[in-house]
């Protein structure tokens, strides 16, 4: 259990005996959100980071809000050194929220200076559009 300093102070006031307990405080690292808008789908060149990731991080989740209805077979996936996610359907579902089904832990950690990109597929790749939100944590 993580207890913040302000929570500890409140507990100390509520019960003087608690103030005698020896408690260590761990830093709680919160997840970060990377938001990237794909306005025209492509099979390459949609880098969130192109050999310039600012720190080492792990991908925890990917959510896409579809922003168009132009390709009945449209999909997106996230790629680093290999495919991080399975393909996420974003075909003809304007406004729909689509979430990744799998994350491959063999590729989900991006090194500092690494590349993270969105890959689109479908019959008319240019019509695959969406707002991509990547949930990460620094490692």
N, C-alpha and C. Protein backbone atom coordinates (compact mmCIF):
# COMPACT_ATOMS: atom_id res chain seq x y z
N UNK A 1 0.85 -1.17 0.00
CA UNK A 1 0.00 0.00 0.00
C UNK A 1 0.89 1.23 0.00
N UNK A 2 0.54 2.21 -0.80
CA UNK A 2 1.29 3.46 -0.86
C UNK A 2 0.54 4.51 -0.07
N UNK A 3 1.24 5.16 0.83
CA UNK A 3 0.64 6.21 1.65
C UNK A 3 1.41 7.49 1.38
N UNK A 4 0.70 8.55 1.05
CA UNK A 4 1.36 9.82 0.80
C UNK A 4 1.69 10.51 2.12
N UNK A 5 2.55 11.51 2.04
CA UNK A 5 2.93 12.25 3.25
C UNK A 5 1.74 12.96 3.86
N UNK A 6 0.85 13.51 3.04
CA UNK A 6 -0.32 14.20 3.58
C UNK A 6 -1.27 13.21 4.26
N UNK A 7 -1.41 11.99 3.70
CA UNK A 7 -2.23 10.98 4.36
C UNK A 7 -1.61 10.57 5.70
N UNK A 8 -0.30 10.44 5.72
CA UNK A 8 0.39 10.08 6.97
C UNK A 8 0.16 11.16 8.02
N UNK A 9 0.24 12.43 7.64
CA UNK A 9 0.03 13.53 8.58
C UNK A 9 -1.38 13.49 9.15
N UNK A 10 -2.38 13.20 8.31
CA UNK A 10 -3.76 13.11 8.80
C UNK A 10 -3.91 11.95 9.77
N UNK A 11 -3.27 10.82 9.47
CA UNK A 11 -3.37 9.67 10.37
C UNK A 11 -2.66 9.94 11.69
N UNK A 12 -1.54 10.66 11.64
CA UNK A 12 -0.82 11.00 12.87
C UNK A 12 -1.71 11.82 13.81
N UNK A 13 -2.46 12.76 13.24
CA UNK A 13 -3.34 13.60 14.06
C UNK A 13 -4.52 12.80 14.59
N UNK A 14 -5.00 11.83 13.80
CA UNK A 14 -6.17 11.05 14.21
C UNK A 14 -5.82 10.05 15.31
N UNK A 15 -4.62 9.54 15.30
CA UNK A 15 -4.22 8.53 16.30
C UNK A 15 -2.75 8.76 16.66
N UNK A 16 -2.49 9.34 17.83
CA UNK A 16 -1.11 9.64 18.22
C UNK A 16 -0.20 8.41 18.22
N UNK A 17 -0.74 7.23 18.48
CA UNK A 17 0.08 6.02 18.48
C UNK A 17 0.60 5.69 17.09
N UNK A 18 -0.19 6.06 16.06
CA UNK A 18 0.23 5.76 14.69
C UNK A 18 1.51 6.51 14.34
N UNK A 19 1.70 7.67 14.93
CA UNK A 19 2.90 8.45 14.67
C UNK A 19 4.18 7.72 15.07
N UNK A 20 4.07 6.73 15.92
CA UNK A 20 5.24 5.96 16.35
C UNK A 20 5.59 4.84 15.37
N UNK A 21 4.68 4.53 14.44
CA UNK A 21 4.92 3.44 13.48
C UNK A 21 5.99 3.86 12.49
N UNK A 22 6.78 2.89 12.06
CA UNK A 22 7.84 3.15 11.08
C UNK A 22 7.30 2.81 9.69
N UNK A 23 7.06 3.84 8.89
CA UNK A 23 6.48 3.64 7.56
C UNK A 23 7.42 4.27 6.53
N UNK A 24 7.68 3.54 5.45
CA UNK A 24 8.46 4.08 4.36
C UNK A 24 7.53 4.51 3.25
N UNK A 25 7.91 5.58 2.57
CA UNK A 25 7.10 6.10 1.49
C UNK A 25 7.72 5.72 0.16
N UNK A 26 6.93 5.09 -0.69
CA UNK A 26 7.36 4.76 -2.04
C UNK A 26 6.83 5.80 -3.00
N UNK A 27 7.62 6.10 -4.00
CA UNK A 27 7.19 7.04 -5.02
C UNK A 27 6.14 6.34 -5.90
N UNK A 28 5.01 6.97 -6.07
CA UNK A 28 3.96 6.41 -6.93
C UNK A 28 4.10 7.01 -8.32
N UNK A 29 4.56 6.22 -9.27
CA UNK A 29 4.69 6.70 -10.65
C UNK A 29 3.35 6.52 -11.35
N UNK A 30 2.82 7.61 -11.83
CA UNK A 30 1.53 7.56 -12.52
C UNK A 30 1.75 7.31 -14.00
N UNK A 31 0.83 6.62 -14.64
CA UNK A 31 0.93 6.42 -16.09
C UNK A 31 0.87 7.76 -16.82
N UNK A 32 1.50 7.81 -17.97
CA UNK A 32 1.49 8.98 -18.84
C UNK A 32 0.69 8.66 -20.08
N UNK A 33 0.10 9.67 -20.68
CA UNK A 33 -0.67 9.49 -21.92
C UNK A 33 0.05 10.16 -23.08
N UNK A 34 0.23 9.43 -24.15
CA UNK A 34 0.71 9.99 -25.41
C UNK A 34 -0.49 10.05 -26.33
N UNK A 35 -0.78 11.22 -26.87
CA UNK A 35 -1.93 11.37 -27.76
C UNK A 35 -1.40 11.77 -29.14
N UNK A 36 -1.80 11.01 -30.15
CA UNK A 36 -1.31 11.22 -31.51
C UNK A 36 -2.49 11.13 -32.46
N UNK A 37 -2.69 12.15 -33.27
CA UNK A 37 -3.82 12.13 -34.21
C UNK A 37 -3.37 11.70 -35.59
N UNK A 38 -4.01 10.67 -36.11
CA UNK A 38 -3.76 10.20 -37.47
C UNK A 38 -4.82 10.84 -38.34
N UNK A 39 -4.42 11.83 -39.15
CA UNK A 39 -5.37 12.54 -40.01
C UNK A 39 -5.45 11.92 -41.40
N UNK A 40 -4.44 11.16 -41.77
CA UNK A 40 -4.44 10.41 -43.02
C UNK A 40 -3.59 9.17 -42.80
N UNK A 41 -4.20 8.02 -42.87
CA UNK A 41 -3.49 6.78 -42.58
C UNK A 41 -2.35 6.51 -43.54
N UNK A 42 -1.35 5.77 -43.07
CA UNK A 42 -0.21 5.39 -43.89
C UNK A 42 0.39 4.10 -43.33
N UNK A 43 1.07 3.37 -44.19
CA UNK A 43 1.70 2.12 -43.75
C UNK A 43 3.05 2.36 -43.09
N UNK A 44 3.55 3.60 -43.16
CA UNK A 44 4.79 3.98 -42.48
C UNK A 44 4.82 5.50 -42.37
N UNK A 45 5.74 6.01 -41.58
CA UNK A 45 5.90 7.45 -41.46
C UNK A 45 5.03 8.12 -40.42
N UNK A 46 4.27 7.35 -39.64
CA UNK A 46 3.42 7.94 -38.59
C UNK A 46 4.09 7.72 -37.23
N UNK A 47 5.28 8.28 -37.08
CA UNK A 47 6.06 8.07 -35.87
C UNK A 47 5.61 9.00 -34.75
N UNK A 48 5.33 8.43 -33.60
CA UNK A 48 5.13 9.23 -32.39
C UNK A 48 6.51 9.67 -31.92
N UNK A 49 7.46 8.74 -31.92
CA UNK A 49 8.87 9.03 -31.69
C UNK A 49 9.65 8.37 -32.81
N UNK A 50 10.54 9.11 -33.45
CA UNK A 50 11.37 8.55 -34.52
C UNK A 50 12.82 8.58 -34.06
N UNK A 51 13.25 7.50 -33.45
CA UNK A 51 14.60 7.38 -32.89
C UNK A 51 14.90 8.51 -31.91
N UNK A 52 13.84 8.97 -31.18
CA UNK A 52 14.05 10.07 -30.23
C UNK A 52 13.16 9.97 -29.00
N UNK A 53 12.79 8.76 -28.59
CA UNK A 53 12.00 8.62 -27.36
C UNK A 53 12.78 9.28 -26.22
N UNK A 54 12.13 10.15 -25.44
CA UNK A 54 12.86 10.92 -24.43
C UNK A 54 13.32 10.12 -23.22
N UNK A 55 12.73 8.95 -23.00
CA UNK A 55 13.11 8.08 -21.89
C UNK A 55 12.61 6.67 -22.19
N UNK A 56 13.11 5.71 -21.44
CA UNK A 56 12.67 4.33 -21.61
C UNK A 56 11.28 4.18 -20.99
N UNK A 57 10.36 3.55 -21.73
CA UNK A 57 9.00 3.38 -21.22
C UNK A 57 8.39 2.09 -21.72
N UNK A 58 7.32 1.69 -21.03
CA UNK A 58 6.57 0.49 -21.41
C UNK A 58 5.16 0.89 -21.82
N UNK A 59 4.68 0.32 -22.91
CA UNK A 59 3.31 0.56 -23.37
C UNK A 59 2.38 -0.33 -22.54
N UNK A 60 1.38 0.31 -21.90
CA UNK A 60 0.43 -0.42 -21.06
C UNK A 60 -0.92 -0.63 -21.73
N UNK A 61 -1.32 0.31 -22.59
CA UNK A 61 -2.64 0.24 -23.22
C UNK A 61 -2.66 1.16 -24.43
N UNK A 62 -3.54 0.87 -25.37
CA UNK A 62 -3.73 1.71 -26.55
C UNK A 62 -5.22 1.80 -26.83
N UNK A 63 -5.70 3.03 -26.99
CA UNK A 63 -7.11 3.29 -27.27
C UNK A 63 -7.19 4.18 -28.50
N UNK A 64 -8.10 3.86 -29.40
CA UNK A 64 -8.26 4.67 -30.61
C UNK A 64 -9.70 5.15 -30.71
N UNK A 65 -9.85 6.46 -30.92
CA UNK A 65 -11.16 7.03 -31.23
C UNK A 65 -11.19 7.22 -32.74
N UNK A 66 -12.03 6.45 -33.42
CA UNK A 66 -12.13 6.55 -34.87
C UNK A 66 -12.62 7.94 -35.26
N UNK A 67 -12.05 8.49 -36.34
CA UNK A 67 -12.40 9.83 -36.77
C UNK A 67 -12.73 9.88 -38.25
N UNK A 68 -13.47 8.93 -38.70
CA UNK A 68 -13.85 8.96 -40.11
C UNK A 68 -14.55 7.69 -40.51
N UNK A 69 -15.16 7.74 -41.67
CA UNK A 69 -15.83 6.56 -42.21
C UNK A 69 -15.45 6.45 -43.67
N UNK A 70 -14.29 5.88 -43.92
CA UNK A 70 -13.86 5.84 -45.31
C UNK A 70 -13.29 4.52 -45.76
N UNK A 71 -13.03 3.61 -44.84
CA UNK A 71 -12.42 2.34 -45.23
C UNK A 71 -13.06 1.22 -44.43
N UNK A 72 -13.76 0.35 -45.09
CA UNK A 72 -14.49 -0.73 -44.41
C UNK A 72 -13.56 -1.74 -43.76
N UNK A 73 -12.28 -1.75 -44.13
CA UNK A 73 -11.34 -2.72 -43.56
C UNK A 73 -10.22 -2.03 -42.78
N UNK A 74 -10.42 -0.79 -42.36
CA UNK A 74 -9.36 -0.01 -41.72
C UNK A 74 -8.95 -0.53 -40.36
N UNK A 75 -7.64 -0.60 -40.15
CA UNK A 75 -7.08 -1.00 -38.85
C UNK A 75 -5.85 -0.15 -38.55
N UNK A 76 -5.47 -0.14 -37.27
CA UNK A 76 -4.22 0.48 -36.84
C UNK A 76 -3.55 -0.46 -35.85
N UNK A 77 -2.23 -0.36 -35.75
CA UNK A 77 -1.50 -1.08 -34.71
C UNK A 77 -0.30 -0.23 -34.31
N UNK A 78 0.27 -0.55 -33.18
CA UNK A 78 1.43 0.16 -32.66
C UNK A 78 2.66 -0.71 -32.85
N UNK A 79 3.76 -0.08 -33.28
CA UNK A 79 4.97 -0.84 -33.57
C UNK A 79 6.18 -0.13 -32.98
N UNK A 80 7.08 -0.93 -32.44
CA UNK A 80 8.39 -0.45 -31.99
C UNK A 80 9.41 -1.22 -32.80
N UNK A 81 10.23 -2.04 -32.12
CA UNK A 81 11.17 -2.92 -32.83
C UNK A 81 10.40 -4.03 -33.55
N UNK A 82 9.21 -4.35 -33.04
CA UNK A 82 8.29 -5.32 -33.64
C UNK A 82 6.88 -4.86 -33.33
N UNK A 83 5.89 -5.64 -33.73
CA UNK A 83 4.50 -5.26 -33.46
C UNK A 83 4.21 -5.34 -31.97
N UNK A 84 3.86 -4.20 -31.38
CA UNK A 84 3.54 -4.15 -29.95
C UNK A 84 2.11 -4.64 -29.72
N UNK A 85 1.21 -4.25 -30.60
CA UNK A 85 -0.21 -4.60 -30.44
C UNK A 85 -0.70 -5.42 -31.61
N UNK A 86 -1.86 -6.04 -31.41
CA UNK A 86 -2.58 -6.62 -32.53
C UNK A 86 -3.22 -5.46 -33.29
N UNK A 87 -3.87 -5.75 -34.39
CA UNK A 87 -4.54 -4.68 -35.13
C UNK A 87 -5.81 -4.27 -34.41
N UNK A 88 -6.06 -2.97 -34.44
CA UNK A 88 -7.24 -2.40 -33.79
C UNK A 88 -8.18 -1.94 -34.89
N UNK A 89 -9.38 -2.46 -34.91
CA UNK A 89 -10.34 -2.10 -35.94
C UNK A 89 -10.82 -0.67 -35.74
N UNK A 90 -10.75 0.10 -36.80
CA UNK A 90 -11.29 1.47 -36.77
C UNK A 90 -11.96 1.74 -38.11
N UNK A 91 -12.68 0.75 -38.59
CA UNK A 91 -13.27 0.79 -39.92
C UNK A 91 -14.72 1.25 -39.88
N UNK A 92 -15.01 2.29 -40.63
CA UNK A 92 -16.39 2.78 -40.77
C UNK A 92 -17.11 2.90 -39.43
N UNK A 93 -16.41 3.33 -38.41
CA UNK A 93 -17.01 3.46 -37.08
C UNK A 93 -16.69 4.83 -36.50
N UNK A 94 -17.00 5.88 -37.23
CA UNK A 94 -16.72 7.23 -36.75
C UNK A 94 -17.24 7.40 -35.32
N UNK A 95 -16.41 7.95 -34.47
CA UNK A 95 -16.71 8.25 -33.06
C UNK A 95 -16.56 7.05 -32.14
N UNK A 96 -16.40 5.86 -32.67
CA UNK A 96 -16.30 4.67 -31.82
C UNK A 96 -14.95 4.63 -31.11
N UNK A 97 -14.96 4.11 -29.89
CA UNK A 97 -13.73 3.91 -29.13
C UNK A 97 -13.33 2.44 -29.27
N UNK A 98 -12.12 2.21 -29.70
CA UNK A 98 -11.61 0.85 -29.91
C UNK A 98 -10.35 0.67 -29.09
N UNK A 99 -10.26 -0.45 -28.44
CA UNK A 99 -9.13 -0.72 -27.55
C UNK A 99 -8.35 -1.93 -28.07
N UNK A 100 -7.06 -1.90 -27.83
CA UNK A 100 -6.18 -2.98 -28.24
C UNK A 100 -6.60 -4.28 -27.54
N UNK A 101 -6.44 -5.40 -28.24
CA UNK A 101 -6.78 -6.69 -27.65
C UNK A 101 -5.60 -7.37 -26.99
N UNK A 102 -4.39 -7.18 -27.55
CA UNK A 102 -3.19 -7.79 -26.97
C UNK A 102 -2.02 -6.82 -27.04
N UNK A 103 -1.10 -6.99 -26.10
CA UNK A 103 0.17 -6.26 -26.10
C UNK A 103 1.27 -7.29 -25.94
N UNK A 104 2.23 -7.28 -26.87
CA UNK A 104 3.33 -8.24 -26.85
C UNK A 104 4.44 -7.69 -25.96
N UNK A 105 4.65 -8.32 -24.81
CA UNK A 105 5.65 -7.81 -23.87
C UNK A 105 7.09 -7.94 -24.39
N UNK A 106 7.28 -8.69 -25.45
CA UNK A 106 8.62 -8.77 -26.06
C UNK A 106 8.99 -7.47 -26.75
N UNK A 107 7.99 -6.66 -27.13
CA UNK A 107 8.24 -5.42 -27.86
C UNK A 107 7.66 -4.18 -27.18
N UNK A 108 6.98 -4.35 -26.06
CA UNK A 108 6.24 -3.22 -25.47
C UNK A 108 7.12 -2.21 -24.72
N UNK A 109 8.39 -2.53 -24.50
CA UNK A 109 9.30 -1.57 -23.86
C UNK A 109 10.11 -0.87 -24.94
N UNK A 110 10.03 0.45 -24.94
CA UNK A 110 10.75 1.28 -25.90
C UNK A 110 11.95 1.90 -25.18
N UNK A 111 13.12 1.70 -25.71
CA UNK A 111 14.34 2.25 -25.10
C UNK A 111 14.42 3.76 -25.34
N UNK A 112 15.16 4.45 -24.48
CA UNK A 112 15.41 5.87 -24.70
C UNK A 112 16.08 6.01 -26.06
N UNK A 113 15.59 6.95 -26.87
CA UNK A 113 16.09 7.12 -28.22
C UNK A 113 15.45 6.17 -29.22
N UNK A 114 14.47 5.39 -28.78
CA UNK A 114 13.81 4.42 -29.65
C UNK A 114 12.70 5.02 -30.50
N UNK A 115 12.08 4.16 -31.30
CA UNK A 115 11.00 4.57 -32.21
C UNK A 115 9.70 3.91 -31.80
N UNK A 116 8.63 4.68 -31.88
CA UNK A 116 7.27 4.19 -31.64
C UNK A 116 6.42 4.76 -32.75
N UNK A 117 5.74 3.89 -33.51
CA UNK A 117 4.95 4.39 -34.63
C UNK A 117 3.62 3.68 -34.76
N UNK A 118 2.70 4.35 -35.46
CA UNK A 118 1.38 3.82 -35.78
C UNK A 118 1.44 3.29 -37.20
N UNK A 119 0.93 2.09 -37.42
CA UNK A 119 0.86 1.49 -38.75
C UNK A 119 -0.61 1.29 -39.10
N UNK A 120 -1.02 1.79 -40.25
CA UNK A 120 -2.41 1.64 -40.70
C UNK A 120 -2.48 0.61 -41.83
N UNK A 121 -3.63 0.00 -41.96
CA UNK A 121 -3.86 -0.96 -43.04
C UNK A 121 -5.32 -0.86 -43.45
N UNK A 122 -5.61 -1.37 -44.63
CA UNK A 122 -6.98 -1.37 -45.14
C UNK A 122 -6.98 -1.19 -46.63
N UNK A 123 -8.16 -1.27 -47.22
CA UNK A 123 -8.28 -1.12 -48.66
C UNK A 123 -7.86 0.26 -49.15
N UNK A 124 -8.26 1.30 -48.41
CA UNK A 124 -7.87 2.67 -48.71
C UNK A 124 -7.18 3.23 -47.47
N UNK A 125 -5.90 2.97 -47.35
CA UNK A 125 -5.15 3.27 -46.14
C UNK A 125 -5.26 4.75 -45.76
N UNK A 126 -5.26 5.64 -46.73
CA UNK A 126 -5.33 7.08 -46.44
C UNK A 126 -6.59 7.50 -45.71
N UNK A 127 -7.64 6.69 -45.78
CA UNK A 127 -8.90 7.03 -45.10
C UNK A 127 -8.98 6.48 -43.68
N UNK A 128 -7.96 5.78 -43.22
CA UNK A 128 -7.95 5.24 -41.86
C UNK A 128 -7.48 6.37 -40.94
N UNK A 129 -8.41 6.90 -40.13
CA UNK A 129 -8.12 8.07 -39.29
C UNK A 129 -8.54 7.80 -37.86
N UNK A 130 -7.85 8.43 -36.93
CA UNK A 130 -8.24 8.27 -35.54
C UNK A 130 -7.33 9.00 -34.58
N UNK A 131 -7.82 9.18 -33.37
CA UNK A 131 -7.04 9.76 -32.29
C UNK A 131 -6.49 8.60 -31.46
N UNK A 132 -5.19 8.45 -31.47
CA UNK A 132 -4.53 7.33 -30.79
C UNK A 132 -4.03 7.79 -29.43
N UNK A 133 -4.47 7.12 -28.37
CA UNK A 133 -3.99 7.41 -27.02
C UNK A 133 -3.21 6.19 -26.54
N UNK A 134 -1.95 6.42 -26.20
CA UNK A 134 -1.07 5.36 -25.73
C UNK A 134 -0.79 5.61 -24.25
N UNK A 135 -1.11 4.63 -23.42
CA UNK A 135 -0.85 4.73 -21.98
C UNK A 135 0.51 4.07 -21.73
N UNK A 136 1.43 4.84 -21.12
CA UNK A 136 2.78 4.33 -20.88
C UNK A 136 3.19 4.55 -19.42
N UNK A 137 4.24 3.87 -19.03
CA UNK A 137 4.88 4.14 -17.74
C UNK A 137 6.38 4.14 -17.96
N UNK A 138 7.03 5.07 -17.29
CA UNK A 138 8.49 5.14 -17.39
C UNK A 138 9.10 3.97 -16.65
N UNK A 139 10.12 3.35 -17.26
CA UNK A 139 10.82 2.24 -16.61
C UNK A 139 12.31 2.53 -16.52
